C-alpha atoms as a PDB file:
ATOM      1  CA  UNK A   1     170.845 248.739 -88.852  1.00  0.00           C
ATOM      2  CA  UNK A   2     172.852 250.447 -91.198  1.00  0.00           C
ATOM      3  CA  UNK A   3     172.915 249.581 -94.987  1.00  0.00           C
ATOM      4  CA  UNK A   4     173.577 253.029 -96.321  1.00  0.00           C
ATOM      5  CA  UNK A   5     173.824 253.430-100.486  1.00  0.00           C
ATOM      6  CA  UNK A   6     176.110 256.660-101.375  1.00  0.00           C
ATOM      7  CA  UNK A   7     172.927 258.383-102.821  1.00  0.00           C
ATOM      8  CA  UNK A   8     171.574 257.789 -99.683  1.00  0.00           C
ATOM      9  CA  UNK A   9     173.789 259.580 -97.495  1.00  0.00           C
ATOM     10  CA  UNK A  10     174.320 262.209-100.151  1.00  0.00           C
ATOM     11  CA  UNK A  11     170.867 262.951 -99.708  1.00  0.00           C
ATOM     12  CA  UNK A  12     170.573 263.421 -95.928  1.00  0.00           C
ATOM     13  CA  UNK A  13     173.793 265.763 -95.754  1.00  0.00           C
ATOM     14  CA  UNK A  14     172.130 268.160 -97.987  1.00  0.00           C
ATOM     15  CA  UNK A  15     169.097 267.868 -95.770  1.00  0.00           C
ATOM     16  CA  UNK A  16     170.944 268.283 -92.817  1.00  0.00           C
ATOM     17  CA  UNK A  17     173.951 270.631 -92.515  1.00  0.00           C
ATOM     18  CA  UNK A  18     175.142 269.920 -89.839  1.00  0.00           C
ATOM     19  CA  UNK A  19     175.947 266.049 -90.754  1.00  0.00           C
ATOM     20  CA  UNK A  20     177.604 267.744 -93.765  1.00  0.00           C
ATOM     21  CA  UNK A  21     179.994 269.637 -91.153  1.00  0.00           C
ATOM     22  CA  UNK A  22     180.186 266.341 -89.328  1.00  0.00           C
ATOM     23  CA  UNK A  23     181.380 264.335 -92.865  1.00  0.00           C
ATOM     24  CA  UNK A  24     183.744 267.697 -93.959  1.00  0.00           C
ATOM     25  CA  UNK A  25     185.429 267.408 -90.131  1.00  0.00           C
ATOM     26  CA  UNK A  26     185.679 263.445 -90.239  1.00  0.00           C
ATOM     27  CA  UNK A  27     187.476 263.591 -93.539  1.00  0.00           C
ATOM     28  CA  UNK A  28     189.942 266.299 -92.244  1.00  0.00           C
ATOM     29  CA  UNK A  29     190.621 263.728 -89.066  1.00  0.00           C
ATOM     30  CA  UNK A  30     191.099 260.860 -91.273  1.00  0.00           C
ATOM     31  CA  UNK A  31     193.801 263.485 -93.598  1.00  0.00           C
ATOM     32  CA  UNK A  32     195.508 264.225 -90.877  1.00  0.00           C
ATOM     33  CA  UNK A  33     196.105 260.659 -90.036  1.00  0.00           C
ATOM     34  CA  UNK A  34     197.697 259.947 -92.919  1.00  0.00           C
ATOM     35  CA  UNK A  35     199.897 262.775 -92.055  1.00  0.00           C
ATOM     36  CA  UNK A  36     200.684 261.845 -88.259  1.00  0.00           C
ATOM     37  CA  UNK A  37     199.338 257.986 -88.013  1.00  0.00           C
ATOM     38  CA  UNK A  38     199.956 256.072 -91.470  1.00  0.00           C
ATOM     39  CA  UNK A  39     203.301 257.091 -91.679  1.00  0.00           C
ATOM     40  CA  UNK A  40     204.173 254.308 -88.643  1.00  0.00           C
ATOM     41  CA  UNK A  41     203.388 251.820 -91.153  1.00  0.00           C
ATOM     42  CA  UNK A  42     205.959 252.427 -93.664  1.00  0.00           C
ATOM     43  CA  UNK A  43     208.414 254.214 -91.297  1.00  0.00           C
ATOM     44  CA  UNK A  44     211.026 251.096 -90.737  1.00  0.00           C
ATOM     45  CA  UNK A  45     210.988 250.425 -94.134  1.00  0.00           C
ATOM     46  CA  UNK A  46     211.900 253.812 -95.399  1.00  0.00           C
ATOM     47  CA  UNK A  47     214.740 254.095 -93.082  1.00  0.00           C
ATOM     48  CA  UNK A  48     216.234 251.102 -93.756  1.00  0.00           C
ATOM     49  CA  UNK A  49     216.245 251.764 -97.363  1.00  0.00           C
ATOM     50  CA  UNK A  50     214.501 249.024 -98.153  1.00  0.00           C
ATOM     51  CA  UNK A  51     211.365 251.530 -99.907  1.00  0.00           C
ATOM     52  CA  UNK A  52     211.812 255.092-101.287  1.00  0.00           C
ATOM     53  CA  UNK A  53     209.628 257.229 -99.317  1.00  0.00           C
ATOM     54  CA  UNK A  54     207.152 257.702-102.742  1.00  0.00           C
ATOM     55  CA  UNK A  55     207.436 253.915-102.999  1.00  0.00           C
ATOM     56  CA  UNK A  56     206.312 253.250 -99.607  1.00  0.00           C
ATOM     57  CA  UNK A  57     203.773 255.543 -99.687  1.00  0.00           C
ATOM     58  CA  UNK A  58     201.873 254.570-102.794  1.00  0.00           C
ATOM     59  CA  UNK A  59     202.461 250.985-101.375  1.00  0.00           C
ATOM     60  CA  UNK A  60     200.461 252.378 -97.850  1.00  0.00           C
ATOM     61  CA  UNK A  61     197.533 253.766-100.108  1.00  0.00           C
ATOM     62  CA  UNK A  62     196.746 250.484-101.528  1.00  0.00           C
ATOM     63  CA  UNK A  63     196.648 247.912 -98.306  1.00  0.00           C
ATOM     64  CA  UNK A  64     195.051 251.118 -96.530  1.00  0.00           C
ATOM     65  CA  UNK A  65     191.938 250.657 -98.977  1.00  0.00           C
ATOM     66  CA  UNK A  66     191.944 246.685 -99.021  1.00  0.00           C
ATOM     67  CA  UNK A  67     192.389 246.957 -95.225  1.00  0.00           C
ATOM     68  CA  UNK A  68     189.641 249.324 -94.788  1.00  0.00           C
ATOM     69  CA  UNK A  69     187.300 247.072 -97.445  1.00  0.00           C
ATOM     70  CA  UNK A  70     188.147 243.656 -95.190  1.00  0.00           C
ATOM     71  CA  UNK A  71     187.039 245.961 -92.259  1.00  0.00           C
ATOM     72  CA  UNK A  72     183.916 246.914 -93.520  1.00  0.00           C
ATOM     73  CA  UNK A  73     182.603 243.236 -95.029  1.00  0.00           C
ATOM     74  CA  UNK A  74     184.207 241.820 -91.199  1.00  0.00           C
ATOM     75  CA  UNK A  75     182.363 241.828 -88.422  1.00  0.00           C
ATOM     76  CA  UNK A  76     183.817 245.325 -86.824  1.00  0.00           C
ATOM     77  CA  UNK A  77     184.112 245.285 -83.699  1.00  0.00           C
ATOM     78  CA  UNK A  78     186.268 248.494 -83.206  1.00  0.00           C
ATOM     79  CA  UNK A  79     183.580 250.173 -85.038  1.00  0.00           C
ATOM     80  CA  UNK A  80     181.073 249.057 -82.765  1.00  0.00           C
ATOM     81  CA  UNK A  81     183.030 250.130 -79.443  1.00  0.00           C
ATOM     82  CA  UNK A  82     184.087 253.337 -80.822  1.00  0.00           C
ATOM     83  CA  UNK A  83     180.367 253.844 -81.441  1.00  0.00           C
ATOM     84  CA  UNK A  84     179.519 253.392 -78.525  1.00  0.00           C
ATOM     85  CA  UNK A  85     182.160 255.218 -76.060  1.00  0.00           C
ATOM     86  CA  UNK A  86     179.824 258.066 -75.111  1.00  0.00           C
ATOM     87  CA  UNK A  87     176.280 258.896 -74.977  1.00  0.00           C
ATOM     88  CA  UNK A  88     176.301 262.057 -77.062  1.00  0.00           C
ATOM     89  CA  UNK A  89     172.261 262.602 -77.186  1.00  0.00           C
ATOM     90  CA  UNK A  90     170.532 266.427 -78.103  1.00  0.00           C
ATOM     91  CA  UNK A  91     173.417 268.530 -78.857  1.00  0.00           C
ATOM     92  CA  UNK A  92     175.348 265.295 -79.966  1.00  0.00           C
ATOM     93  CA  UNK A  93     176.681 266.642 -83.564  1.00  0.00           C
ATOM     94  CA  UNK A  94     177.694 269.855 -81.695  1.00  0.00           C
ATOM     95  CA  UNK A  95     179.578 267.603 -79.504  1.00  0.00           C
ATOM     96  CA  UNK A  96     181.080 265.803 -82.236  1.00  0.00           C
ATOM     97  CA  UNK A  97     182.252 268.410 -84.540  1.00  0.00           C
ATOM     98  CA  UNK A  98     183.778 269.951 -81.491  1.00  0.00           C
ATOM     99  CA  UNK A  99     185.564 266.661 -80.562  1.00  0.00           C
ATOM    100  CA  UNK A 100     186.725 266.355 -84.736  1.00  0.00           C
ATOM    101  CA  UNK A 101     187.788 269.652 -84.474  1.00  0.00           C
ATOM    102  CA  UNK A 102     190.043 268.968 -81.480  1.00  0.00           C
ATOM    103  CA  UNK A 103     191.648 266.015 -82.988  1.00  0.00           C
ATOM    104  CA  UNK A 104     192.654 268.199 -85.692  1.00  0.00           C
ATOM    105  CA  UNK A 105     193.966 270.947 -83.996  1.00  0.00           C
ATOM    106  CA  UNK A 106     196.270 268.351 -81.576  1.00  0.00           C
ATOM    107  CA  UNK A 107     196.875 266.487 -84.536  1.00  0.00           C
ATOM    108  CA  UNK A 108     198.218 269.425 -86.689  1.00  0.00           C
ATOM    109  CA  UNK A 109     200.476 270.660 -83.768  1.00  0.00           C
ATOM    110  CA  UNK A 110     202.497 267.125 -83.651  1.00  0.00           C
ATOM    111  CA  UNK A 111     203.149 267.387 -87.192  1.00  0.00           C
ATOM    112  CA  UNK A 112     204.641 270.506 -87.161  1.00  0.00           C
ATOM    113  CA  UNK A 113     207.272 269.211 -84.282  1.00  0.00           C
ATOM    114  CA  UNK A 114     207.333 265.633 -86.077  1.00  0.00           C
ATOM    115  CA  UNK A 115     205.918 264.140 -83.005  1.00  0.00           C
ATOM    116  CA  UNK A 116     204.017 260.947 -84.324  1.00  0.00           C
ATOM    117  CA  UNK A 117     200.762 261.556 -82.646  1.00  0.00           C
ATOM    118  CA  UNK A 118     197.955 258.674 -81.904  1.00  0.00           C
ATOM    119  CA  UNK A 119     194.606 259.704 -83.406  1.00  0.00           C
ATOM    120  CA  UNK A 120     192.883 256.572 -82.357  1.00  0.00           C
ATOM    121  CA  UNK A 121     193.341 258.076 -78.265  1.00  0.00           C
ATOM    122  CA  UNK A 122     193.391 261.938 -79.527  1.00  0.00           C
ATOM    123  CA  UNK A 123     189.773 261.128 -80.920  1.00  0.00           C
ATOM    124  CA  UNK A 124     188.582 259.127 -77.493  1.00  0.00           C
ATOM    125  CA  UNK A 125     189.647 262.331 -75.340  1.00  0.00           C
ATOM    126  CA  UNK A 126     188.167 264.641 -78.038  1.00  0.00           C
ATOM    127  CA  UNK A 127     184.920 262.595 -77.886  1.00  0.00           C
ATOM    128  CA  UNK A 128     184.773 262.499 -73.721  1.00  0.00           C
ATOM    129  CA  UNK A 129     185.916 266.020 -73.304  1.00  0.00           C
ATOM    130  CA  UNK A 130     183.040 267.164 -75.170  1.00  0.00           C
ATOM    131  CA  UNK A 131     180.722 264.003 -74.006  1.00  0.00           C
ATOM    132  CA  UNK A 132     181.690 266.027 -70.222  1.00  0.00           C
ATOM    133  CA  UNK A 133     180.397 269.524 -71.481  1.00  0.00           C
ATOM    134  CA  UNK A 134     177.281 268.299 -72.669  1.00  0.00           C
ATOM    135  CA  UNK A 135     174.417 267.970 -69.876  1.00  0.00           C
ATOM    136  CA  UNK A 136     174.800 264.361 -68.130  1.00  0.00           C
ATOM    137  CA  UNK A 137     178.599 264.959 -67.503  1.00  0.00           C
ATOM    138  CA  UNK A 138     179.902 261.731 -66.541  1.00  0.00           C
ATOM    139  CA  UNK A 139     177.122 259.905 -67.100  1.00  0.00           C
ATOM    140  CA  UNK A 140     177.100 260.143 -70.600  1.00  0.00           C
ATOM    141  CA  UNK A 141     180.686 257.967 -70.401  1.00  0.00           C
ATOM    142  CA  UNK A 142     180.080 254.452 -71.509  1.00  0.00           C
ATOM    143  CA  UNK A 143     182.356 252.352 -68.677  1.00  0.00           C
ATOM    144  CA  UNK A 144     182.840 249.189 -71.074  1.00  0.00           C
ATOM    145  CA  UNK A 145     183.886 251.049 -74.117  1.00  0.00           C
ATOM    146  CA  UNK A 146     185.978 252.859 -72.099  1.00  0.00           C
ATOM    147  CA  UNK A 147     187.504 249.819 -70.725  1.00  0.00           C
ATOM    148  CA  UNK A 148     188.016 248.181 -73.428  1.00  0.00           C
ATOM    149  CA  UNK A 149     190.055 251.317 -74.845  1.00  0.00           C
ATOM    150  CA  UNK A 150     192.157 251.257 -71.667  1.00  0.00           C
ATOM    151  CA  UNK A 151     193.137 247.261 -72.293  1.00  0.00           C
ATOM    152  CA  UNK A 152     193.780 248.029 -76.137  1.00  0.00           C
ATOM    153  CA  UNK A 153     196.251 250.830 -74.679  1.00  0.00           C
ATOM    154  CA  UNK A 154     197.930 248.598 -72.609  1.00  0.00           C
ATOM    155  CA  UNK A 155     197.519 245.633 -74.763  1.00  0.00           C
ATOM    156  CA  UNK A 156     198.888 247.106 -77.972  1.00  0.00           C
ATOM    157  CA  UNK A 157     202.106 248.870 -76.238  1.00  0.00           C
ATOM    158  CA  UNK A 158     203.057 245.214 -74.433  1.00  0.00           C
ATOM    159  CA  UNK A 159     202.726 243.062 -77.351  1.00  0.00           C
ATOM    160  CA  UNK A 160     204.328 245.088 -79.931  1.00  0.00           C
ATOM    161  CA  UNK A 161     207.393 245.168 -77.462  1.00  0.00           C
ATOM    162  CA  UNK A 162     207.279 241.427 -77.204  1.00  0.00           C
ATOM    163  CA  UNK A 163     206.287 241.078 -80.818  1.00  0.00           C
ATOM    164  CA  UNK A 164     209.372 242.976 -81.980  1.00  0.00           C
ATOM    165  CA  UNK A 165     211.867 241.973 -79.417  1.00  0.00           C
ATOM    166  CA  UNK A 166     210.902 238.281 -80.201  1.00  0.00           C
ATOM    167  CA  UNK A 167     211.038 238.538 -84.071  1.00  0.00           C
ATOM    168  CA  UNK A 168     214.451 240.119 -83.855  1.00  0.00           C
ATOM    169  CA  UNK A 169     215.653 237.295 -81.656  1.00  0.00           C
ATOM    170  CA  UNK A 170     214.193 234.837 -84.232  1.00  0.00           C
ATOM    171  CA  UNK A 171     215.118 236.551 -87.248  1.00  0.00           C
ATOM    172  CA  UNK A 172     218.897 236.223 -85.774  1.00  0.00           C
ATOM    173  CA  UNK A 173     218.764 232.853 -85.249  1.00  0.00           C
ATOM    174  CA  UNK A 174     217.356 232.365 -89.045  1.00  0.00           C
ATOM    175  CA  UNK A 175     219.795 234.571 -90.554  1.00  0.00           C
ATOM    176  CA  UNK A 176     218.728 235.665 -93.424  1.00  0.00           C
ATOM    177  CA  UNK A 177     221.001 237.907 -95.717  1.00  0.00           C
ATOM    178  CA  UNK A 178     220.323 241.834 -95.857  1.00  0.00           C
ATOM    179  CA  UNK A 179     219.190 241.572 -99.031  1.00  0.00           C
ATOM    180  CA  UNK A 180     216.325 238.570 -98.237  1.00  0.00           C
ATOM    181  CA  UNK A 181     215.569 241.161 -95.165  1.00  0.00           C
ATOM    182  CA  UNK A 182     214.812 244.029 -97.320  1.00  0.00           C
ATOM    183  CA  UNK A 183     213.058 242.053 -99.684  1.00  0.00           C
ATOM    184  CA  UNK A 184     211.080 241.101 -96.324  1.00  0.00           C
ATOM    185  CA  UNK A 185     210.324 244.477 -95.412  1.00  0.00           C
ATOM    186  CA  UNK A 186     208.457 244.889 -98.583  1.00  0.00           C
ATOM    187  CA  UNK A 187     205.730 242.805 -97.042  1.00  0.00           C
ATOM    188  CA  UNK A 188     205.920 243.895 -93.954  1.00  0.00           C
ATOM    189  CA  UNK A 189     205.406 247.107 -94.476  1.00  0.00           C
ATOM    190  CA  UNK A 190     202.425 245.794 -96.743  1.00  0.00           C
ATOM    191  CA  UNK A 191     201.285 244.069 -93.809  1.00  0.00           C
ATOM    192  CA  UNK A 192     201.584 247.284 -91.652  1.00  0.00           C
ATOM    193  CA  UNK A 193     199.815 249.649 -93.861  1.00  0.00           C
ATOM    194  CA  UNK A 194     197.014 246.937 -94.258  1.00  0.00           C
ATOM    195  CA  UNK A 195     196.102 246.108 -90.719  1.00  0.00           C
ATOM    196  CA  UNK A 196     196.471 250.072 -89.977  1.00  0.00           C
ATOM    197  CA  UNK A 197     193.436 250.507 -92.564  1.00  0.00           C
ATOM    198  CA  UNK A 198     191.572 247.645 -91.103  1.00  0.00           C
ATOM    199  CA  UNK A 199     191.863 249.302 -87.720  1.00  0.00           C
ATOM    200  CA  UNK A 200     191.777 253.123 -87.958  1.00  0.00           C
ATOM    201  CA  UNK A 201     189.287 252.834 -91.150  1.00  0.00           C
ATOM    202  CA  UNK A 202     186.650 251.528 -88.771  1.00  0.00           C
ATOM    203  CA  UNK A 203     186.980 254.167 -86.757  1.00  0.00           C
ATOM    204  CA  UNK A 204     186.424 257.006 -88.561  1.00  0.00           C
ATOM    205  CA  UNK A 205     183.454 255.111 -90.428  1.00  0.00           C
ATOM    206  CA  UNK A 206     181.991 254.587 -86.909  1.00  0.00           C
ATOM    207  CA  UNK A 207     182.068 258.838 -86.245  1.00  0.00           C
ATOM    208  CA  UNK A 208     180.150 259.039 -89.528  1.00  0.00           C
ATOM    209  CA  UNK A 209     177.529 256.698 -88.593  1.00  0.00           C
ATOM    210  CA  UNK A 210     177.406 257.778 -85.249  1.00  0.00           C
ATOM    211  CA  UNK A 211     176.727 261.673 -87.002  1.00  0.00           C
ATOM    212  CA  UNK A 212     173.871 259.746 -88.970  1.00  0.00           C
ATOM    213  CA  UNK A 213     172.169 258.686 -85.833  1.00  0.00           C
ATOM    214  CA  UNK A 214     172.412 261.900 -83.681  1.00  0.00           C
ATOM    215  CA  UNK A 215     170.475 262.582 -81.529  1.00  0.00           C
ATOM    216  CA  UNK A 216     168.841 259.565 -80.624  1.00  0.00           C
ATOM    217  CA  UNK A 217     171.589 257.410 -79.500  1.00  0.00           C
ATOM    218  CA  UNK A 218     170.411 254.172 -81.602  1.00  0.00           C
ATOM    219  CA  UNK A 219     172.134 250.799 -80.957  1.00  0.00           C
ATOM    220  CA  UNK A 220     175.046 249.833 -82.096  1.00  0.00           C
ATOM    221  CA  UNK A 221     174.973 246.625 -82.783  1.00  0.00           C
ATOM    222  CA  UNK A 222     174.786 245.205 -85.636  1.00  0.00           C
ATOM    223  CA  UNK A 223     175.487 247.340 -88.216  1.00  0.00           C
ATOM    224  CA  UNK A 224     177.325 247.629 -91.404  1.00  0.00           C
ATOM    225  CA  UNK A 225     179.834 249.437 -92.807  1.00  0.00           C
ATOM    226  CA  UNK A 226     179.327 250.688 -96.795  1.00  0.00           C
ATOM    227  CA  UNK A 227     182.387 249.515 -98.751  1.00  0.00           C
ATOM    228  CA  UNK A 228     182.003 252.893-100.577  1.00  0.00           C
ATOM    229  CA  UNK A 229     182.988 254.901 -97.157  1.00  0.00           C
ATOM    230  CA  UNK A 230     185.755 252.692 -96.624  1.00  0.00           C
ATOM    231  CA  UNK A 231     187.337 253.430-100.035  1.00  0.00           C
ATOM    232  CA  UNK A 232     186.614 257.197 -99.430  1.00  0.00           C
ATOM    233  CA  UNK A 233     188.100 256.781 -95.636  1.00  0.00           C
ATOM    234  CA  UNK A 234     191.243 254.905 -97.159  1.00  0.00           C
ATOM    235  CA  UNK A 235     191.518 257.213-100.152  1.00  0.00           C
ATOM    236  CA  UNK A 236     191.916 260.109 -97.982  1.00  0.00           C
ATOM    237  CA  UNK A 237     194.304 258.498 -95.523  1.00  0.00           C
ATOM    238  CA  UNK A 238     196.486 257.665 -98.256  1.00  0.00           C
ATOM    239  CA  UNK A 239     196.751 261.202 -99.764  1.00  0.00           C
ATOM    240  CA  UNK A 240     197.723 262.810 -95.947  1.00  0.00           C
ATOM    241  CA  UNK A 241     200.493 260.022 -96.345  1.00  0.00           C
ATOM    242  CA  UNK A 242     201.725 261.329 -99.482  1.00  0.00           C
ATOM    243  CA  UNK A 243     201.179 264.589 -98.935  1.00  0.00           C
ATOM    244  CA  UNK A 244     203.071 264.949 -95.129  1.00  0.00           C
ATOM    245  CA  UNK A 245     204.112 262.016 -93.795  1.00  0.00           C
ATOM    246  CA  UNK A 246     207.735 261.950 -94.831  1.00  0.00           C
ATOM    247  CA  UNK A 247     208.509 264.245 -91.476  1.00  0.00           C
ATOM    248  CA  UNK A 248     206.808 261.063 -89.544  1.00  0.00           C
ATOM    249  CA  UNK A 249     208.934 258.370 -91.126  1.00  0.00           C
ATOM    250  CA  UNK A 250     211.966 260.280 -90.409  1.00  0.00           C
ATOM    251  CA  UNK A 251     211.720 260.489 -87.040  1.00  0.00           C
ATOM    252  CA  UNK A 252     210.527 256.983 -86.109  1.00  0.00           C
ATOM    253  CA  UNK A 253     212.229 255.225 -88.731  1.00  0.00           C
ATOM    254  CA  UNK A 254     215.327 256.700 -88.602  1.00  0.00           C
ATOM    255  CA  UNK A 255     215.756 258.574 -85.617  1.00  0.00           C
ATOM    256  CA  UNK A 256     214.546 256.955 -82.776  1.00  0.00           C
ATOM    257  CA  UNK A 257     216.522 253.574 -83.213  1.00  0.00           C
ATOM    258  CA  UNK A 258     219.149 252.949 -85.963  1.00  0.00           C
ATOM    259  CA  UNK A 259     217.650 249.764 -87.361  1.00  0.00           C
ATOM    260  CA  UNK A 260     219.342 247.007 -89.832  1.00  0.00           C
ATOM    261  CA  UNK A 261     217.339 245.583 -92.469  1.00  0.00           C
ATOM    262  CA  UNK A 262     216.559 242.483 -89.974  1.00  0.00           C
ATOM    263  CA  UNK A 263     215.896 244.903 -87.293  1.00  0.00           C
ATOM    264  CA  UNK A 264     213.042 246.522 -89.819  1.00  0.00           C
ATOM    265  CA  UNK A 265     211.373 243.420 -90.857  1.00  0.00           C
ATOM    266  CA  UNK A 266     211.332 242.632 -86.706  1.00  0.00           C
ATOM    267  CA  UNK A 267     209.517 245.528 -86.034  1.00  0.00           C
ATOM    268  CA  UNK A 268     207.240 245.286 -89.027  1.00  0.00           C
ATOM    269  CA  UNK A 269     206.809 241.781 -88.112  1.00  0.00           C
ATOM    270  CA  UNK A 270     205.801 242.582 -84.493  1.00  0.00           C
ATOM    271  CA  UNK A 271     203.836 245.460 -85.290  1.00  0.00           C
ATOM    272  CA  UNK A 272     201.529 243.820 -87.971  1.00  0.00           C
ATOM    273  CA  UNK A 273     201.070 240.746 -85.524  1.00  0.00           C
ATOM    274  CA  UNK A 274     199.837 243.532 -82.557  1.00  0.00           C
ATOM    275  CA  UNK A 275     197.725 245.002 -84.404  1.00  0.00           C
ATOM    276  CA  UNK A 276     196.005 242.418 -86.464  1.00  0.00           C
ATOM    277  CA  UNK A 277     195.359 240.710 -82.938  1.00  0.00           C
ATOM    278  CA  UNK A 278     193.660 243.481 -81.106  1.00  0.00           C
ATOM    279  CA  UNK A 279     191.736 244.260 -84.873  1.00  0.00           C
ATOM    280  CA  UNK A 280     189.939 240.963 -84.204  1.00  0.00           C
ATOM    281  CA  UNK A 281     189.928 241.351 -80.769  1.00  0.00           C
ATOM    282  CA  UNK A 282     188.040 244.416 -81.435  1.00  0.00           C
ATOM    283  CA  UNK A 283     190.339 246.700 -79.113  1.00  0.00           C
ATOM    284  CA  UNK A 284     190.837 249.797 -80.592  1.00  0.00           C
ATOM    285  CA  UNK A 285     194.311 250.316 -80.804  1.00  0.00           C
ATOM    286  CA  UNK A 286     197.106 253.232 -81.901  1.00  0.00           C
ATOM    287  CA  UNK A 287     199.276 252.368 -84.853  1.00  0.00           C
ATOM    288  CA  UNK A 288     202.031 254.688 -83.517  1.00  0.00           C
ATOM    289  CA  UNK A 289     202.011 252.680 -79.957  1.00  0.00           C
ATOM    290  CA  UNK A 290     201.966 249.336 -81.592  1.00  0.00           C
ATOM    291  CA  UNK A 291     205.012 250.012 -84.070  1.00  0.00           C
ATOM    292  CA  UNK A 292     206.841 252.317 -82.126  1.00  0.00           C
ATOM    293  CA  UNK A 293     206.735 249.815 -79.185  1.00  0.00           C
ATOM    294  CA  UNK A 294     208.075 246.832 -81.811  1.00  0.00           C
ATOM    295  CA  UNK A 295     211.060 249.783 -83.214  1.00  0.00           C
ATOM    296  CA  UNK A 296     212.040 249.746 -79.246  1.00  0.00           C
ATOM    297  CA  UNK A 297     211.991 246.114 -79.107  1.00  0.00           C
ATOM    298  CA  UNK A 298     213.719 244.890 -82.230  1.00  0.00           C
ATOM    299  CA  UNK A 299     216.347 248.154 -81.412  1.00  0.00           C
ATOM    300  CA  UNK A 300     216.456 247.824 -77.913  1.00  0.00           C
ATOM    301  CA  UNK A 301     220.536 247.988 -78.099  1.00  0.00           C
ATOM    302  CA  UNK A 302     220.719 251.383 -79.405  1.00  0.00           C
ATOM    303  CA  UNK A 303     217.437 253.431 -78.724  1.00  0.00           C
ATOM    304  CA  UNK A 304     217.617 257.077 -78.798  1.00  0.00           C
ATOM    305  CA  UNK A 305     216.436 257.978 -75.795  1.00  0.00           C
ATOM    306  CA  UNK A 306     215.797 261.383 -76.293  1.00  0.00           C
ATOM    307  CA  UNK A 307     213.832 260.882 -79.315  1.00  0.00           C
ATOM    308  CA  UNK A 308     211.667 258.115 -77.081  1.00  0.00           C
ATOM    309  CA  UNK A 309     211.103 260.356 -74.680  1.00  0.00           C
ATOM    310  CA  UNK A 310     210.005 262.923 -76.777  1.00  0.00           C
ATOM    311  CA  UNK A 311     207.716 260.805 -77.834  1.00  0.00           C
ATOM    312  CA  UNK A 312     206.502 259.577 -75.021  1.00  0.00           C
ATOM    313  CA  UNK A 313     206.070 262.943 -74.054  1.00  0.00           C
ATOM    314  CA  UNK A 314     203.457 263.309 -76.617  1.00  0.00           C
ATOM    315  CA  UNK A 315     201.373 260.040 -76.276  1.00  0.00           C
ATOM    316  CA  UNK A 316     201.014 261.018 -72.223  1.00  0.00           C
ATOM    317  CA  UNK A 317     199.949 264.567 -73.184  1.00  0.00           C
ATOM    318  CA  UNK A 318     197.737 263.648 -75.891  1.00  0.00           C
ATOM    319  CA  UNK A 319     194.758 262.590 -73.456  1.00  0.00           C
ATOM    320  CA  UNK A 320     194.652 265.756 -71.004  1.00  0.00           C
ATOM    321  CA  UNK A 321     195.175 268.231 -73.919  1.00  0.00           C
ATOM    322  CA  UNK A 322     192.362 266.521 -76.614  1.00  0.00           C
ATOM    323  CA  UNK A 323     189.950 266.039 -73.655  1.00  0.00           C
ATOM    324  CA  UNK A 324     190.369 269.266 -72.817  1.00  0.00           C
ATOM    325  CA  UNK A 325     190.305 270.664 -76.216  1.00  0.00           C
ATOM    326  CA  UNK A 326     186.846 268.977 -76.879  1.00  0.00           C
ATOM    327  CA  UNK A 327     185.634 270.203 -73.872  1.00  0.00           C
ATOM    328  CA  UNK A 328     186.238 273.884 -74.507  1.00  0.00           C
ATOM    329  CA  UNK A 329     185.189 274.264 -77.799  1.00  0.00           C
ATOM    330  CA  UNK A 330     181.965 272.830 -77.197  1.00  0.00           C
ATOM    331  CA  UNK A 331     181.346 275.030 -73.713  1.00  0.00           C
ATOM    332  CA  UNK A 332     182.955 277.811 -75.930  1.00  0.00           C
ATOM    333  CA  UNK A 333     181.091 277.252 -79.357  1.00  0.00           C
ATOM    334  CA  UNK A 334     177.608 275.776 -77.933  1.00  0.00           C
ATOM    335  CA  UNK A 335     175.752 275.099 -81.426  1.00  0.00           C
ATOM    336  CA  UNK A 336     173.420 271.919 -82.139  1.00  0.00           C
ATOM    337  CA  UNK A 337     173.500 271.135 -86.137  1.00  0.00           C
END
């Protein structure tokens, strides 16, 4: 069982340079997650004018932190799934560094073009590609964990769309005023940011704990996620959102579908419900996928097919490109920190 204080972690980082590199690269992935993934939580609230970008980013920062702290105190099923995705063994820290570098490269490229990529699936692909480059090849991939990732991908898209469409239909019948809908969006953005922090915060904490146990492949069940680690990941994510999230917000919240305050509230409700259900079930899913699917469900009458197609193409390219990057980085720069 992991029960790690900050001083103990710092001591291990100073005594093992490879772990320090894992730590820095993980924070880099968390930062770019704030650029390209976390902004999806606040995209509709900003797009409909319910919140300014600055206020929405501040709200997301607080709620990401609370969600990460909640995840650290819960059963952390998502973290266990990601932790057990691959068997890295000897050379594992080097492979982990390669996977993290692949995610950062892909995320920065997507951010340049304003495409909301999924760091969750980039991470899964990068880890898998790096594991394939190690001795053992395909035997390094753990089928049960991969099945949960695949299930999460399908479930999040379906639940997100159905949740957005269902919430839109319900709200149309209830008929709240635009002002009430905008106020509801503030709560919706807060809920989205909270469950994003709970879902993605677990993944990044699992990476650091994975780095601690490599090489060796210790069992991940059960283990504790330290609260200081949850706070660090959430604050780094918030810094990324404030620094570079505006481009993604505009792409998702304004360009993809012209949402009314009512439609924005429906998308927030559907996306948050989807993420919460998957997090409780321990399925690693993408905030980008869940929220985008909810927006498409809520605003299906006026979807910009060109923008939606470009976002879909980015998703399709994420798995093969990140897996290839992870594989090549291990093969081209073999090291075992």
